[in-house]
Amino acid sequence: MPYNERLADRLREYLSKIPNIEVEEKKMFRGLAFLVNDKMCVNVSGDNLMCRFDPELDDLMKEKLGYQSVKMAGRYMKGYAYINEDGYRSIDDFKFWVDLALDFNPRAKSSKKTKSKK
């Protein structure tokens, strides 16, 4: 399923207004990932947002409108959620999820591979 271009544009516009961050777009997770300062932060996957947030908040976030658990390789991933359109339709809800991911980004572990010395 292709990703929602309108949602990607909405995310691009929002992120472009945030000072002091470097944003890179990369196709992954069957969609388009937005890496912030070299770390996966938010994705557009089909019509969903996929957000990365503090895993300690997982139980609390499950109560939010539009939340769907992320399952990869047969297991649920704490600190990751798909948010369907009901959960991000309003600007306040959209900002909530994107800001939640941005707030966690400085503490998130980078999965960027480092080159080993030979």
N, C-alpha and C. Protein backbone atom coordinates (compact mmCIF):
# COMPACT_ATOMS: atom_id res chain seq x y z
N MET A 1 0.84 -1.18 0.00
CA MET A 1 0.00 0.00 0.00
C MET A 1 0.89 1.24 0.00
N PRO A 2 0.67 2.15 -0.94
CA PRO A 2 1.46 3.38 -0.95
C PRO A 2 1.11 4.26 0.24
N TYR A 3 2.04 5.12 0.60
CA TYR A 3 1.77 5.99 1.75
C TYR A 3 0.98 7.22 1.30
N ASN A 4 0.28 7.81 2.23
CA ASN A 4 -0.57 8.97 2.02
C ASN A 4 0.29 10.21 1.79
N GLU A 5 0.32 10.68 0.55
CA GLU A 5 1.15 11.84 0.19
C GLU A 5 0.70 13.11 0.90
N ARG A 6 -0.61 13.27 1.09
CA ARG A 6 -1.11 14.47 1.78
C ARG A 6 -0.64 14.49 3.24
N LEU A 7 -0.65 13.32 3.87
CA LEU A 7 -0.18 13.23 5.25
C LEU A 7 1.33 13.50 5.30
N ALA A 8 2.08 12.98 4.33
CA ALA A 8 3.52 13.24 4.27
C ALA A 8 3.79 14.74 4.10
N ASP A 9 3.01 15.40 3.25
CA ASP A 9 3.18 16.85 3.05
C ASP A 9 2.85 17.61 4.33
N ARG A 10 1.81 17.17 5.02
CA ARG A 10 1.43 17.81 6.29
C ARG A 10 2.56 17.69 7.30
N LEU A 11 3.17 16.53 7.35
CA LEU A 11 4.29 16.28 8.26
C LEU A 11 5.51 17.10 7.86
N ARG A 12 5.83 17.13 6.57
CA ARG A 12 6.95 17.94 6.07
C ARG A 12 6.79 19.41 6.47
N GLU A 13 5.59 19.93 6.25
CA GLU A 13 5.33 21.33 6.56
C GLU A 13 5.51 21.60 8.06
N TYR A 14 4.97 20.71 8.89
CA TYR A 14 5.07 20.88 10.34
C TYR A 14 6.53 20.83 10.79
N LEU A 15 7.26 19.83 10.32
CA LEU A 15 8.66 19.66 10.74
C LEU A 15 9.55 20.79 10.24
N SER A 16 9.21 21.37 9.10
CA SER A 16 10.04 22.45 8.54
C SER A 16 10.01 23.69 9.43
N LYS A 17 9.01 23.80 10.29
CA LYS A 17 8.89 24.97 11.16
C LYS A 17 9.56 24.78 12.52
N ILE A 18 10.12 23.60 12.76
CA ILE A 18 10.78 23.31 14.05
C ILE A 18 12.24 23.73 13.93
N PRO A 19 12.70 24.63 14.80
CA PRO A 19 14.10 25.07 14.71
C PRO A 19 15.07 24.01 15.24
N ASN A 20 16.27 24.07 14.75
CA ASN A 20 17.39 23.26 15.26
C ASN A 20 17.22 21.75 15.12
N ILE A 21 16.53 21.32 14.09
CA ILE A 21 16.49 19.89 13.81
C ILE A 21 16.87 19.66 12.36
N GLU A 22 17.44 18.53 12.12
CA GLU A 22 17.81 18.11 10.78
C GLU A 22 16.90 16.95 10.41
N VAL A 23 16.15 17.09 9.33
CA VAL A 23 15.18 16.08 8.92
C VAL A 23 15.63 15.43 7.62
N GLU A 24 15.60 14.11 7.60
CA GLU A 24 15.90 13.33 6.40
C GLU A 24 14.73 12.40 6.15
N GLU A 25 14.33 12.27 4.90
CA GLU A 25 13.25 11.36 4.54
C GLU A 25 13.86 10.10 3.95
N LYS A 26 13.29 8.96 4.34
CA LYS A 26 13.81 7.68 3.87
C LYS A 26 12.66 6.69 3.74
N LYS A 27 12.61 5.97 2.63
CA LYS A 27 11.56 4.97 2.47
C LYS A 27 11.88 3.75 3.34
N MET A 28 10.98 3.43 4.26
CA MET A 28 11.12 2.26 5.13
C MET A 28 9.78 1.96 5.78
N PHE A 29 9.65 0.77 6.35
CA PHE A 29 8.41 0.33 7.00
C PHE A 29 7.22 0.48 6.06
N ARG A 30 7.38 0.12 4.80
CA ARG A 30 6.33 0.22 3.79
C ARG A 30 5.76 1.62 3.68
N GLY A 31 6.58 2.61 3.95
CA GLY A 31 6.13 3.99 3.89
C GLY A 31 7.29 4.94 3.80
N LEU A 32 7.11 6.11 4.38
CA LEU A 32 8.12 7.15 4.35
C LEU A 32 8.47 7.53 5.78
N ALA A 33 9.73 7.34 6.14
CA ALA A 33 10.20 7.68 7.49
C ALA A 33 10.80 9.07 7.48
N PHE A 34 10.56 9.78 8.57
CA PHE A 34 11.17 11.08 8.79
C PHE A 34 12.17 10.90 9.92
N LEU A 35 13.45 10.93 9.57
CA LEU A 35 14.51 10.81 10.56
C LEU A 35 14.85 12.21 11.04
N VAL A 36 14.89 12.38 12.33
CA VAL A 36 15.23 13.67 12.93
C VAL A 36 16.56 13.50 13.63
N ASN A 37 17.52 14.29 13.21
CA ASN A 37 18.88 14.22 13.76
C ASN A 37 19.41 12.78 13.73
N ASP A 38 19.24 12.14 12.57
CA ASP A 38 19.74 10.79 12.27
C ASP A 38 19.02 9.67 13.02
N LYS A 39 17.83 9.94 13.58
CA LYS A 39 17.08 8.89 14.28
C LYS A 39 15.65 8.86 13.77
N MET A 40 15.12 7.64 13.56
CA MET A 40 13.75 7.48 13.12
C MET A 40 12.83 8.11 14.17
N CYS A 41 11.95 9.00 13.71
CA CYS A 41 11.09 9.74 14.62
C CYS A 41 9.61 9.46 14.33
N VAL A 42 9.22 9.71 13.09
CA VAL A 42 7.82 9.58 12.70
C VAL A 42 7.78 9.05 11.27
N ASN A 43 6.80 8.22 10.96
CA ASN A 43 6.64 7.67 9.62
C ASN A 43 5.23 7.90 9.12
N VAL A 44 5.10 7.87 7.81
CA VAL A 44 3.79 7.79 7.19
C VAL A 44 3.73 6.40 6.57
N SER A 45 2.79 5.59 7.05
CA SER A 45 2.64 4.22 6.59
C SER A 45 1.19 4.03 6.16
N GLY A 46 0.96 3.97 4.86
CA GLY A 46 -0.41 3.96 4.36
C GLY A 46 -1.07 5.26 4.75
N ASP A 47 -2.20 5.18 5.44
CA ASP A 47 -2.88 6.38 5.93
C ASP A 47 -2.59 6.65 7.39
N ASN A 48 -1.65 5.91 7.97
CA ASN A 48 -1.33 6.04 9.39
C ASN A 48 -0.05 6.83 9.62
N LEU A 49 -0.01 7.48 10.78
CA LEU A 49 1.26 7.98 11.31
C LEU A 49 1.85 6.83 12.12
N MET A 50 3.13 6.67 12.08
CA MET A 50 3.79 5.73 12.99
C MET A 50 4.74 6.60 13.81
N CYS A 51 4.51 6.61 15.12
CA CYS A 51 5.28 7.48 16.00
C CYS A 51 6.16 6.65 16.93
N ARG A 52 7.33 7.20 17.20
CA ARG A 52 8.26 6.60 18.16
C ARG A 52 8.30 7.51 19.38
N PHE A 53 8.02 6.93 20.55
CA PHE A 53 7.93 7.73 21.77
C PHE A 53 8.52 6.95 22.94
N ASP A 54 8.60 7.58 24.07
CA ASP A 54 9.16 6.95 25.26
C ASP A 54 8.38 5.68 25.61
N PRO A 55 9.04 4.52 25.62
CA PRO A 55 8.35 3.27 25.92
C PRO A 55 7.67 3.27 27.29
N GLU A 56 8.14 4.10 28.21
CA GLU A 56 7.51 4.19 29.54
C GLU A 56 6.08 4.73 29.45
N LEU A 57 5.75 5.40 28.35
CA LEU A 57 4.42 5.99 28.17
C LEU A 57 3.47 5.07 27.41
N ASP A 58 3.92 3.88 27.08
CA ASP A 58 3.15 2.99 26.21
C ASP A 58 1.74 2.72 26.74
N ASP A 59 1.60 2.35 28.00
CA ASP A 59 0.28 2.03 28.54
C ASP A 59 -0.65 3.25 28.51
N LEU A 60 -0.12 4.41 28.78
CA LEU A 60 -0.90 5.64 28.75
C LEU A 60 -1.35 5.99 27.32
N MET A 61 -0.48 5.81 26.36
CA MET A 61 -0.79 6.16 24.97
C MET A 61 -1.84 5.22 24.37
N LYS A 62 -1.90 3.99 24.85
CA LYS A 62 -2.88 3.02 24.34
C LYS A 62 -4.31 3.51 24.52
N GLU A 63 -4.52 4.44 25.43
CA GLU A 63 -5.85 4.97 25.71
C GLU A 63 -6.26 6.06 24.71
N LYS A 64 -5.33 6.55 23.92
CA LYS A 64 -5.59 7.67 23.02
C LYS A 64 -6.36 7.21 21.77
N LEU A 65 -7.21 8.09 21.29
CA LEU A 65 -7.99 7.84 20.08
C LEU A 65 -7.05 7.59 18.90
N GLY A 66 -7.32 6.55 18.15
CA GLY A 66 -6.56 6.25 16.93
C GLY A 66 -5.34 5.38 17.13
N TYR A 67 -4.97 5.08 18.39
CA TYR A 67 -3.78 4.29 18.70
C TYR A 67 -3.93 2.85 18.22
N GLN A 68 -2.89 2.32 17.60
CA GLN A 68 -2.81 0.91 17.25
C GLN A 68 -1.39 0.44 17.55
N SER A 69 -1.28 -0.70 18.19
CA SER A 69 0.04 -1.25 18.52
C SER A 69 0.81 -1.60 17.26
N VAL A 70 2.12 -1.51 17.34
CA VAL A 70 3.00 -1.90 16.24
C VAL A 70 3.55 -3.28 16.57
N LYS A 71 3.38 -4.19 15.63
CA LYS A 71 3.88 -5.56 15.79
C LYS A 71 4.89 -5.82 14.68
N MET A 72 6.10 -6.18 15.06
CA MET A 72 7.16 -6.51 14.09
C MET A 72 7.79 -7.83 14.50
N ALA A 73 8.04 -8.65 13.52
CA ALA A 73 8.67 -9.96 13.75
C ALA A 73 7.95 -10.73 14.85
N GLY A 74 6.63 -10.61 14.87
CA GLY A 74 5.83 -11.39 15.81
C GLY A 74 5.73 -10.85 17.22
N ARG A 75 6.30 -9.66 17.48
CA ARG A 75 6.20 -9.12 18.84
C ARG A 75 5.80 -7.65 18.80
N TYR A 76 5.11 -7.24 19.85
CA TYR A 76 4.68 -5.85 19.96
C TYR A 76 5.85 -4.98 20.39
N MET A 77 5.94 -3.82 19.77
CA MET A 77 7.06 -2.91 20.00
C MET A 77 6.60 -1.78 20.92
N LYS A 78 7.08 -1.80 22.16
CA LYS A 78 6.77 -0.71 23.09
C LYS A 78 7.44 0.57 22.59
N GLY A 79 6.70 1.67 22.72
CA GLY A 79 7.26 2.95 22.30
C GLY A 79 7.06 3.26 20.83
N TYR A 80 6.29 2.43 20.15
CA TYR A 80 5.94 2.67 18.75
C TYR A 80 4.43 2.49 18.62
N ALA A 81 3.80 3.35 17.83
CA ALA A 81 2.36 3.22 17.61
C ALA A 81 2.00 3.70 16.22
N TYR A 82 1.04 3.00 15.63
CA TYR A 82 0.38 3.50 14.44
C TYR A 82 -0.79 4.34 14.93
N ILE A 83 -0.98 5.50 14.33
CA ILE A 83 -2.09 6.36 14.68
C ILE A 83 -2.95 6.50 13.43
N ASN A 84 -4.20 6.01 13.52
CA ASN A 84 -5.07 6.13 12.35
C ASN A 84 -5.63 7.54 12.26
N GLU A 85 -6.32 7.82 11.17
CA GLU A 85 -6.78 9.17 10.89
C GLU A 85 -7.65 9.76 12.00
N ASP A 86 -8.42 8.94 12.68
CA ASP A 86 -9.24 9.45 13.79
C ASP A 86 -8.37 10.09 14.86
N GLY A 87 -7.15 9.59 15.02
CA GLY A 87 -6.26 10.07 16.06
C GLY A 87 -5.42 11.28 15.69
N TYR A 88 -5.38 11.66 14.40
CA TYR A 88 -4.57 12.81 14.02
C TYR A 88 -5.32 13.81 13.14
N ARG A 89 -6.62 13.62 12.99
CA ARG A 89 -7.40 14.48 12.10
C ARG A 89 -7.32 15.95 12.51
N SER A 90 -7.52 16.25 13.77
CA SER A 90 -7.47 17.65 14.21
C SER A 90 -6.01 18.10 14.32
N ILE A 91 -5.79 19.39 14.18
CA ILE A 91 -4.42 19.91 14.28
C ILE A 91 -3.85 19.66 15.67
N ASP A 92 -4.69 19.77 16.70
CA ASP A 92 -4.19 19.53 18.06
C ASP A 92 -3.75 18.08 18.25
N ASP A 93 -4.53 17.14 17.72
CA ASP A 93 -4.15 15.73 17.83
C ASP A 93 -2.90 15.43 17.00
N PHE A 94 -2.82 16.00 15.80
CA PHE A 94 -1.64 15.83 14.95
C PHE A 94 -0.40 16.34 15.68
N LYS A 95 -0.48 17.55 16.22
CA LYS A 95 0.64 18.13 16.96
C LYS A 95 1.01 17.27 18.17
N PHE A 96 0.01 16.75 18.87
CA PHE A 96 0.28 15.92 20.04
C PHE A 96 1.20 14.76 19.68
N TRP A 97 0.84 14.02 18.64
CA TRP A 97 1.62 12.83 18.29
C TRP A 97 3.00 13.17 17.75
N VAL A 98 3.07 14.17 16.89
CA VAL A 98 4.38 14.55 16.33
C VAL A 98 5.27 15.12 17.43
N ASP A 99 4.71 15.97 18.29
CA ASP A 99 5.51 16.54 19.38
C ASP A 99 5.95 15.46 20.37
N LEU A 100 5.11 14.47 20.61
CA LEU A 100 5.48 13.36 21.48
C LEU A 100 6.72 12.65 20.93
N ALA A 101 6.72 12.40 19.62
CA ALA A 101 7.87 11.75 18.99
C ALA A 101 9.10 12.66 19.01
N LEU A 102 8.90 13.94 18.76
CA LEU A 102 10.03 14.90 18.79
C LEU A 102 10.62 15.03 20.19
N ASP A 103 9.77 15.00 21.20
CA ASP A 103 10.25 15.10 22.59
C ASP A 103 11.14 13.92 22.96
N PHE A 104 10.81 12.74 22.44
CA PHE A 104 11.59 11.55 22.76
C PHE A 104 12.86 11.45 21.92
N ASN A 105 12.86 12.07 20.76
CA ASN A 105 13.97 11.91 19.82
C ASN A 105 15.37 12.12 20.40
N PRO A 106 15.62 13.14 21.21
CA PRO A 106 16.98 13.30 21.75
C PRO A 106 17.45 12.12 22.61
N ARG A 107 16.52 11.40 23.22
CA ARG A 107 16.88 10.26 24.08
C ARG A 107 16.82 8.93 23.35
N ALA A 108 16.24 8.91 22.17
CA ALA A 108 16.10 7.67 21.40
C ALA A 108 17.47 7.18 20.95
N LYS A 109 17.60 5.86 20.92
CA LYS A 109 18.84 5.28 20.43
C LYS A 109 18.85 5.32 18.91
N SER A 110 19.99 5.63 18.38
CA SER A 110 20.16 5.64 16.92
C SER A 110 20.46 4.23 16.46
N SER A 111 19.86 3.87 15.34
CA SER A 111 20.15 2.55 14.78
C SER A 111 21.14 2.67 13.63
N LYS A 112 21.71 3.86 13.49
CA LYS A 112 22.67 4.10 12.42
C LYS A 112 23.90 3.25 12.63
N LYS A 113 24.28 2.54 11.60
CA LYS A 113 25.46 1.67 11.66
C LYS A 113 26.73 2.50 11.57
N THR A 114 27.69 2.14 12.40
CA THR A 114 28.98 2.82 12.31
C THR A 114 29.95 1.91 11.55
N LYS A 115 30.82 2.54 10.82
CA LYS A 115 31.82 1.76 10.06
C LYS A 115 32.91 1.27 10.99
N SER A 116 33.23 0.00 10.89
CA SER A 116 34.28 -0.54 11.73
C SER A 116 35.64 -0.26 11.09
N LYS A 117 36.65 -0.08 11.94
CA LYS A 117 38.00 0.17 11.45
C LYS A 117 38.64 -1.14 11.03
N LYS A 118 39.37 -1.10 9.97
CA LYS A 118 40.04 -2.30 9.48
C LYS A 118 41.53 -2.11 9.54
